[in-house]
Structures are given as C-alpha cells and as structure tokens.
C-alpha atoms as a PDB file:
ATOM      1  CA  MET A   1      94.548  21.949  64.798  1.00  0.00           C
ATOM      2  CA  SER A   2      97.826  20.333  64.432  1.00  0.00           C
ATOM      3  CA  ALA A   3      98.710  17.991  61.707  1.00  0.00           C
ATOM      4  CA  TYR A   4      97.245  14.602  61.063  1.00  0.00           C
ATOM      5  CA  PRO A   5      99.497  11.958  61.548  1.00  0.00           C
ATOM      6  CA  GLN A   6     101.092  10.625  57.959  1.00  0.00           C
ATOM      7  CA  SER A   7      99.990   7.205  58.097  1.00  0.00           C
ATOM      8  CA  GLN A   8      96.312   8.602  58.657  1.00  0.00           C
ATOM      9  CA  ILE A   9      96.576  11.190  55.470  1.00  0.00           C
ATOM     10  CA  LEU A  10      97.862   8.050  53.309  1.00  0.00           C
ATOM     11  CA  GLU A  11      95.291   6.112  54.727  1.00  0.00           C
ATOM     12  CA  ALA A  12      92.562   8.912  53.572  1.00  0.00           C
ATOM     13  CA  LEU A  13      95.375   8.382  49.692  1.00  0.00           C
ATOM     14  CA  ASP A  14      94.516   4.964  49.861  1.00  0.00           C
ATOM     15  CA  HIS A  15      90.971   5.167  50.220  1.00  0.00           C
ATOM     16  CA  TYR A  16      90.108   7.945  47.899  1.00  0.00           C
ATOM     17  CA  LEU A  17      92.914   5.925  45.121  1.00  0.00           C
ATOM     18  CA  GLU A  18      90.394   3.213  45.597  1.00  0.00           C
ATOM     19  CA  GLU A  19      87.569   4.713  44.487  1.00  0.00           C
ATOM     20  CA  PHE A  20      89.122   7.568  41.988  1.00  0.00           C
ATOM     21  CA  PRO A  21      92.444   5.677  40.315  1.00  0.00           C
ATOM     22  CA  LEU A  22      94.726   8.289  38.617  1.00  0.00           C
ATOM     23  CA  PRO A  23      93.720   8.790  35.119  1.00  0.00           C
ATOM     24  CA  GLU A  24      96.559   7.917  32.315  1.00  0.00           C
ATOM     25  CA  ASP A  25      97.332  11.841  32.060  1.00  0.00           C
ATOM     26  CA  LEU A  26      96.897  13.296  35.252  1.00  0.00           C
ATOM     27  CA  TRP A  27      96.489  17.218  35.371  1.00  0.00           C
ATOM     28  CA  ILE A  28      95.995  19.644  38.654  1.00  0.00           C
ATOM     29  CA  PHE A  29      94.864  22.678  38.774  1.00  0.00           C
ATOM     30  CA  ALA A  30      96.906  25.192  40.309  1.00  0.00           C
ATOM     31  CA  TYR A  31      95.115  28.196  41.755  1.00  0.00           C
ATOM     32  CA  GLY A  32      97.720  29.270  44.825  1.00  0.00           C
ATOM     33  CA  SER A  33     101.145  28.159  45.762  1.00  0.00           C
ATOM     34  CA  LEU A  34     101.256  25.220  43.257  1.00  0.00           C
ATOM     35  CA  LEU A  35     101.536  28.074  40.885  1.00  0.00           C
ATOM     36  CA  TRP A  36     104.543  28.965  42.041  1.00  0.00           C
ATOM     37  CA  ASN A  37     106.126  25.941  43.950  1.00  0.00           C
ATOM     38  CA  PRO A  38     104.489  22.908  42.809  1.00  0.00           C
ATOM     39  CA  GLU A  39     107.141  20.197  43.626  1.00  0.00           C
ATOM     40  CA  MET A  40     106.056  17.503  41.424  1.00  0.00           C
ATOM     41  CA  HIS A  41     107.576  16.962  37.842  1.00  0.00           C
ATOM     42  CA  VAL A  42     105.517  19.175  35.624  1.00  0.00           C
ATOM     43  CA  ILE A  43     105.865  18.630  31.708  1.00  0.00           C
ATOM     44  CA  GLU A  44     103.199  20.988  30.297  1.00  0.00           C
ATOM     45  CA  SER A  45     101.518  23.958  31.983  1.00  0.00           C
ATOM     46  CA  ARG A  46      98.251  25.393  30.463  1.00  0.00           C
ATOM     47  CA  GLN A  47      96.791  28.869  32.140  1.00  0.00           C
ATOM     48  CA  GLY A  48      92.510  28.082  32.116  1.00  0.00           C
ATOM     49  CA  LYS A  49      89.084  29.329  33.867  1.00  0.00           C
ATOM     50  CA  VAL A  50      87.805  26.947  36.328  1.00  0.00           C
ATOM     51  CA  ASP A  51      83.561  27.610  36.473  1.00  0.00           C
ATOM     52  CA  GLY A  52      81.682  27.568  39.774  1.00  0.00           C
ATOM     53  CA  LEU A  53      84.805  27.719  42.016  1.00  0.00           C
ATOM     54  CA  GLN A  54      86.491  31.068  43.206  1.00  0.00           C
ATOM     55  CA  ARG A  55      89.245  31.676  45.341  1.00  0.00           C
ATOM     56  CA  GLY A  56      88.674  32.419  48.863  1.00  0.00           C
ATOM     57  CA  PHE A  57      91.389  33.061  51.968  1.00  0.00           C
ATOM     58  CA  ASN A  58      89.242  30.216  53.814  1.00  0.00           C
ATOM     59  CA  LEU A  59      91.706  28.033  55.435  1.00  0.00           C
ATOM     60  CA  LEU A  60      93.075  28.502  59.335  1.00  0.00           C
ATOM     61  CA  SER A  61      96.866  27.123  58.187  1.00  0.00           C
ATOM     62  CA  THR A  62      98.217  25.796  61.923  1.00  0.00           C
ATOM     63  CA  VAL A  63     100.787  23.880  60.186  1.00  0.00           C
ATOM     64  CA  HIS A  64     102.051  25.465  56.630  1.00  0.00           C
ATOM     65  CA  ARG A  65     101.573  29.380  57.146  1.00  0.00           C
ATOM     66  CA  GLY A  66     100.606  29.742  61.224  1.00  0.00           C
ATOM     67  CA  THR A  67     100.734  27.956  64.151  1.00  0.00           C
ATOM     68  CA  LEU A  68      97.793  27.063  66.745  1.00  0.00           C
ATOM     69  CA  GLU A  69      98.791  29.908  68.334  1.00  0.00           C
ATOM     70  CA  CYS A  70      98.970  32.834  65.245  1.00  0.00           C
ATOM     71  CA  PRO A  71      96.998  30.981  62.885  1.00  0.00           C
ATOM     72  CA  GLY A  72      97.576  31.992  59.044  1.00  0.00           C
ATOM     73  CA  LEU A  73      95.535  31.774  56.265  1.00  0.00           C
ATOM     74  CA  VAL A  74      95.928  30.183  52.850  1.00  0.00           C
ATOM     75  CA  LEU A  75      93.500  29.422  49.807  1.00  0.00           C
ATOM     76  CA  SER A  76      91.142  27.197  49.312  1.00  0.00           C
ATOM     77  CA  LEU A  77      88.569  27.084  46.043  1.00  0.00           C
ATOM     78  CA  ARG A  78      85.153  27.769  47.248  1.00  0.00           C
ATOM     79  CA  ASP A  79      81.222  27.935  45.420  1.00  0.00           C
ATOM     80  CA  GLY A  80      80.445  30.682  42.848  1.00  0.00           C
ATOM     81  CA  GLY A  81      82.494  32.649  40.433  1.00  0.00           C
ATOM     82  CA  HIS A  82      84.923  31.197  38.675  1.00  0.00           C
ATOM     83  CA  CYS A  83      88.936  31.079  39.288  1.00  0.00           C
ATOM     84  CA  GLU A  84      91.941  31.146  36.713  1.00  0.00           C
ATOM     85  CA  GLY A  85      94.936  29.326  37.640  1.00  0.00           C
ATOM     86  CA  MET A  86      97.157  26.596  35.425  1.00  0.00           C
ATOM     87  CA  ALA A  87      96.488  23.014  34.714  1.00  0.00           C
ATOM     88  CA  LEU A  88      99.741  21.552  35.254  1.00  0.00           C
ATOM     89  CA  HIS A  89     100.612  18.064  33.248  1.00  0.00           C
ATOM     90  CA  ILE A  90     102.208  15.643  35.551  1.00  0.00           C
ATOM     91  CA  SER A  91     104.830  13.243  34.009  1.00  0.00           C
ATOM     92  CA  LYS A  92     103.356   9.468  33.325  1.00  0.00           C
ATOM     93  CA  THR A  93     107.157   8.217  35.171  1.00  0.00           C
ATOM     94  CA  THR A  94     106.272  10.161  38.356  1.00  0.00           C
ATOM     95  CA  GLN A  95     102.881  10.723  38.702  1.00  0.00           C
ATOM     96  CA  GLU A  96     102.077   8.497  41.483  1.00  0.00           C
ATOM     97  CA  LYS A  97     105.104   9.970  43.680  1.00  0.00           C
ATOM     98  CA  ASP A  98     104.314  13.025  42.555  1.00  0.00           C
ATOM     99  CA  PHE A  99     100.225  12.601  43.650  1.00  0.00           C
ATOM    100  CA  LYS A 100     101.339  11.221  46.525  1.00  0.00           C
ATOM    101  CA  HIS A 101     103.872  13.791  47.575  1.00  0.00           C
ATOM    102  CA  LEU A 102     101.214  16.343  46.701  1.00  0.00           C
ATOM    103  CA  TRP A 103      98.424  14.681  48.446  1.00  0.00           C
ATOM    104  CA  LEU A 104     100.624  14.918  51.757  1.00  0.00           C
ATOM    105  CA  ARG A 105     101.104  18.515  51.425  1.00  0.00           C
ATOM    106  CA  GLU A 106      97.363  19.875  51.108  1.00  0.00           C
ATOM    107  CA  MET A 107      95.715  16.908  52.794  1.00  0.00           C
ATOM    108  CA  VAL A 108      97.815  17.829  56.223  1.00  0.00           C
ATOM    109  CA  THR A 109      94.697  18.761  58.395  1.00  0.00           C
ATOM    110  CA  MET A 110      92.583  17.012  56.009  1.00  0.00           C
ATOM    111  CA  PHE A 111      90.773  20.173  55.278  1.00  0.00           C
ATOM    112  CA  TYR A 112      90.954  20.130  51.154  1.00  0.00           C
ATOM    113  CA  LEU A 113      88.421  17.476  49.356  1.00  0.00           C
ATOM    114  CA  PRO A 114      89.943  16.352  46.306  1.00  0.00           C
ATOM    115  CA  TYR A 115      87.536  17.219  42.984  1.00  0.00           C
ATOM    116  CA  LEU A 116      87.760  16.760  39.139  1.00  0.00           C
ATOM    117  CA  CYS A 117      87.124  19.834  38.104  1.00  0.00           C
ATOM    118  CA  LYS A 118      86.766  21.337  34.046  1.00  0.00           C
ATOM    119  CA  VAL A 119      89.134  23.354  32.823  1.00  0.00           C
ATOM    120  CA  THR A 120      88.983  25.722  30.068  1.00  0.00           C
ATOM    121  CA  THR A 121      91.801  26.325  28.462  1.00  0.00           C
ATOM    122  CA  ALA A 122      92.775  28.058  24.822  1.00  0.00           C
ATOM    123  CA  ASP A 123      93.419  24.598  23.666  1.00  0.00           C
ATOM    124  CA  GLY A 124      90.546  22.775  25.089  1.00  0.00           C
ATOM    125  CA  ASP A 125      88.840  21.655  28.342  1.00  0.00           C
ATOM    126  CA  ILE A 126      91.024  19.696  30.126  1.00  0.00           C
ATOM    127  CA  ASN A 127      89.811  17.257  33.434  1.00  0.00           C
ATOM    128  CA  ALA A 128      92.113  18.254  36.276  1.00  0.00           C
ATOM    129  CA  ILE A 129      92.366  17.603  40.241  1.00  0.00           C
ATOM    130  CA  THR A 130      91.575  20.154  41.914  1.00  0.00           C
ATOM    131  CA  PHE A 131      91.439  20.524  46.219  1.00  0.00           C
ATOM    132  CA  VAL A 132      88.485  22.389  47.160  1.00  0.00           C
ATOM    133  CA  ALA A 133      87.181  24.177  50.705  1.00  0.00           C
ATOM    134  CA  ASP A 134      85.475  21.481  53.126  1.00  0.00           C
ATOM    135  CA  LYS A 135      83.338  24.046  54.549  1.00  0.00           C
ATOM    136  CA  GLN A 136      82.569  21.523  57.333  1.00  0.00           C
ATOM    137  CA  HIS A 137      85.917  21.352  58.418  1.00  0.00           C
ATOM    138  CA  GLU A 138      86.520  23.146  61.873  1.00  0.00           C
ATOM    139  CA  GLN A 139      89.229  25.261  59.622  1.00  0.00           C
ATOM    140  CA  TYR A 140      87.059  26.828  57.637  1.00  0.00           C
ATOM    141  CA  VAL A 141      86.716  30.442  57.964  1.00  0.00           C
ATOM    142  CA  ASP A 142      84.968  33.615  56.453  1.00  0.00           C
ATOM    143  CA  PHE A 143      86.622  36.447  57.665  1.00  0.00           C
ATOM    144  CA  ASP A 144      86.605  40.314  55.713  1.00  0.00           C
ATOM    145  CA  ALA A 145      89.248  41.849  54.175  1.00  0.00           C
ATOM    146  CA  ALA A 146      90.730  43.825  56.914  1.00  0.00           C
ATOM    147  CA  GLN A 147      90.945  40.144  59.373  1.00  0.00           C
ATOM    148  CA  CYS A 148      92.305  38.591  56.369  1.00  0.00           C
ATOM    149  CA  ALA A 149      95.276  41.374  55.756  1.00  0.00           C
ATOM    150  CA  SER A 150      95.966  41.640  59.703  1.00  0.00           C
ATOM    151  CA  MET A 151      96.074  37.396  59.884  1.00  0.00           C
ATOM    152  CA  ILE A 152      98.702  36.883  56.587  1.00  0.00           C
ATOM    153  CA  ASP A 153     100.707  39.858  57.892  1.00  0.00           C
ATOM    154  CA  GLN A 154     101.588  38.646  61.320  1.00  0.00           C
ATOM    155  CA  ALA A 155     101.225  34.840  60.382  1.00  0.00           C
ATOM    156  CA  HIS A 156     104.586  32.403  60.307  1.00  0.00           C
ATOM    157  CA  GLY A 157     104.506  28.673  59.963  1.00  0.00           C
ATOM    158  CA  GLY A 158     106.648  25.651  58.844  1.00  0.00           C
ATOM    159  CA  ARG A 159     106.672  26.552  55.552  1.00  0.00           C
ATOM    160  CA  GLY A 160     107.667  30.313  55.886  1.00  0.00           C
ATOM    161  CA  SER A 161     105.823  33.598  56.520  1.00  0.00           C
ATOM    162  CA  ASN A 162     102.230  34.310  55.502  1.00  0.00           C
ATOM    163  CA  ILE A 163     102.837  37.589  54.077  1.00  0.00           C
ATOM    164  CA  ASP A 164     105.289  35.374  51.771  1.00  0.00           C
ATOM    165  CA  TYR A 165     102.742  33.092  50.685  1.00  0.00           C
ATOM    166  CA  PHE A 166     100.442  35.763  49.834  1.00  0.00           C
ATOM    167  CA  ASN A 167     103.036  37.993  47.552  1.00  0.00           C
ATOM    168  CA  ASN A 168     104.077  34.988  45.728  1.00  0.00           C
ATOM    169  CA  THR A 169     100.822  34.124  44.873  1.00  0.00           C
ATOM    170  CA  LEU A 170     100.138  37.400  43.783  1.00  0.00           C
ATOM    171  CA  LYS A 171     103.511  38.175  41.891  1.00  0.00           C
ATOM    172  CA  HIS A 172     102.344  34.661  39.800  1.00  0.00           C
ATOM    173  CA  LEU A 173      99.416  36.089  39.381  1.00  0.00           C
ATOM    174  CA  LYS A 174     100.322  39.201  37.780  1.00  0.00           C
ATOM    175  CA  THR A 175     102.778  37.003  35.892  1.00  0.00           C
ATOM    176  CA  LEU A 176      99.929  35.204  34.196  1.00  0.00           C
ATOM    177  CA  ASN A 177      97.773  38.599  33.849  1.00  0.00           C
ATOM    178  CA  ILE A 178      95.080  37.248  36.189  1.00  0.00           C
ATOM    179  CA  HIS A 179      94.056  39.945  38.130  1.00  0.00           C
ATOM    180  CA  ASP A 180      91.496  38.544  41.553  1.00  0.00           C
ATOM    181  CA  SER A 181      90.077  41.107  43.577  1.00  0.00           C
ATOM    182  CA  LEU A 182      90.459  38.742  46.402  1.00  0.00           C
ATOM    183  CA  PHE A 183      94.032  40.282  46.484  1.00  0.00           C
ATOM    184  CA  SER A 184      93.933  43.466  45.875  1.00  0.00           C
ATOM    185  CA  ASP A 185      90.903  44.082  48.558  1.00  0.00           C
ATOM    186  CA  ILE A 186      93.057  42.499  51.108  1.00  0.00           C
ATOM    187  CA  SER A 187      96.435  44.356  49.774  1.00  0.00           C
ATOM    188  CA  ALA A 188      94.560  47.503  50.731  1.00  0.00           C
ATOM    189  CA  HIS A 189      94.747  46.516  54.602  1.00  0.00           C
ATOM    190  CA  LEU A 190      98.361  45.007  54.836  1.00  0.00           C
ATOM    191  CA  THR A 191     101.231  47.207  55.925  1.00  0.00           C
ATOM    192  CA  SER A 192     104.107  45.041  55.495  1.00  0.00           C
END
C-alpha cells in the first residue's frame, strides 16, 4: 500500500480531534521508534507499562522501512500480555503542532488506531495516547520469527533500512532494561 495523500491524513486527524480533543497534559506512549526518535518537544519521560497490549512486528511497511516490492516490518501494539515503554509528556506550547507531526508520521497508510491507554509508572498512572494495530487493515500481518527476520534483514524504505529500525529499538529497550522476547526470537534468525 502506498502512502495516503496528506490531505486525507489531515482530514482523518480533524475527525479524530473533533471526537477526542487533545488533553491539557498530552502524554504519548512510546514502544518503538518513538523511544529513540520522538520528533516532538518532550518535557518529561517516564518508564511504564501498559497491560493488555503487546508489541508485534505486525505492520507491513511499504513506505518508511520498506517498499511495495520489498516490504519491511515495523512495530504495532496488539491485544494480549503487556508492553513496557516510555510515557512522553509533550510541551503545552507545541502539543498541537507536535501531535499533527506525529499523526502524519504514524498514519501514513492509516494502519494504526489511536488509543487512550493507562500507563503504570513508578510515579503513578498516566493516561497516554498510543497507536495500536488495526487487525482489519490490509497491511496487518502475523509472521513467525524466521519470516520476520528475513524481511527485516532485506527491507529499506524512505526512513532507512529495516534492520536499523530493529537494532535502534532493541538498543533503546536494553538501555531501559526492558526485555521483550519478540526481539530475541527474531534476533536468533537474523543474518546481519
């Protein structure tokens, strides 16, 4: 799937904000590339856990980390288990602009569903917006670790290679002392 026209992505943002206006304190839950490349004005970060959602390489990436001819795989959240990551507090002065930029980045093929989740942190619970998989979307896949590794090893898209995405995310999870067996299972099959 190719990227949607920007006008259509922004129209979807307008519809979302009509129904769910941004809170005064905007927090975003980061579980993948937002950990190491948030591209927002983050004024505070708290490590935390979301119950009922888990990481998966379920998004067939045909824009950012792959192409239509050689798709890659990037992370989404799906039902089950739990996910450890970071709650990012976005500056009030830039939150509208930052959320628009985030929306344009994440919703390029309208794969994700924005979702308000509860992040449990050492300093209390935080309500944060995150992006979960739309299992009905044509780009939703659920491959085994060997297939994921083969695709991640080869793909390259507009934001760089899929293996760099994988390695950068894994490195930042390790820095946070977060172990996710998803990464070790796929790493066992990687050749690069």
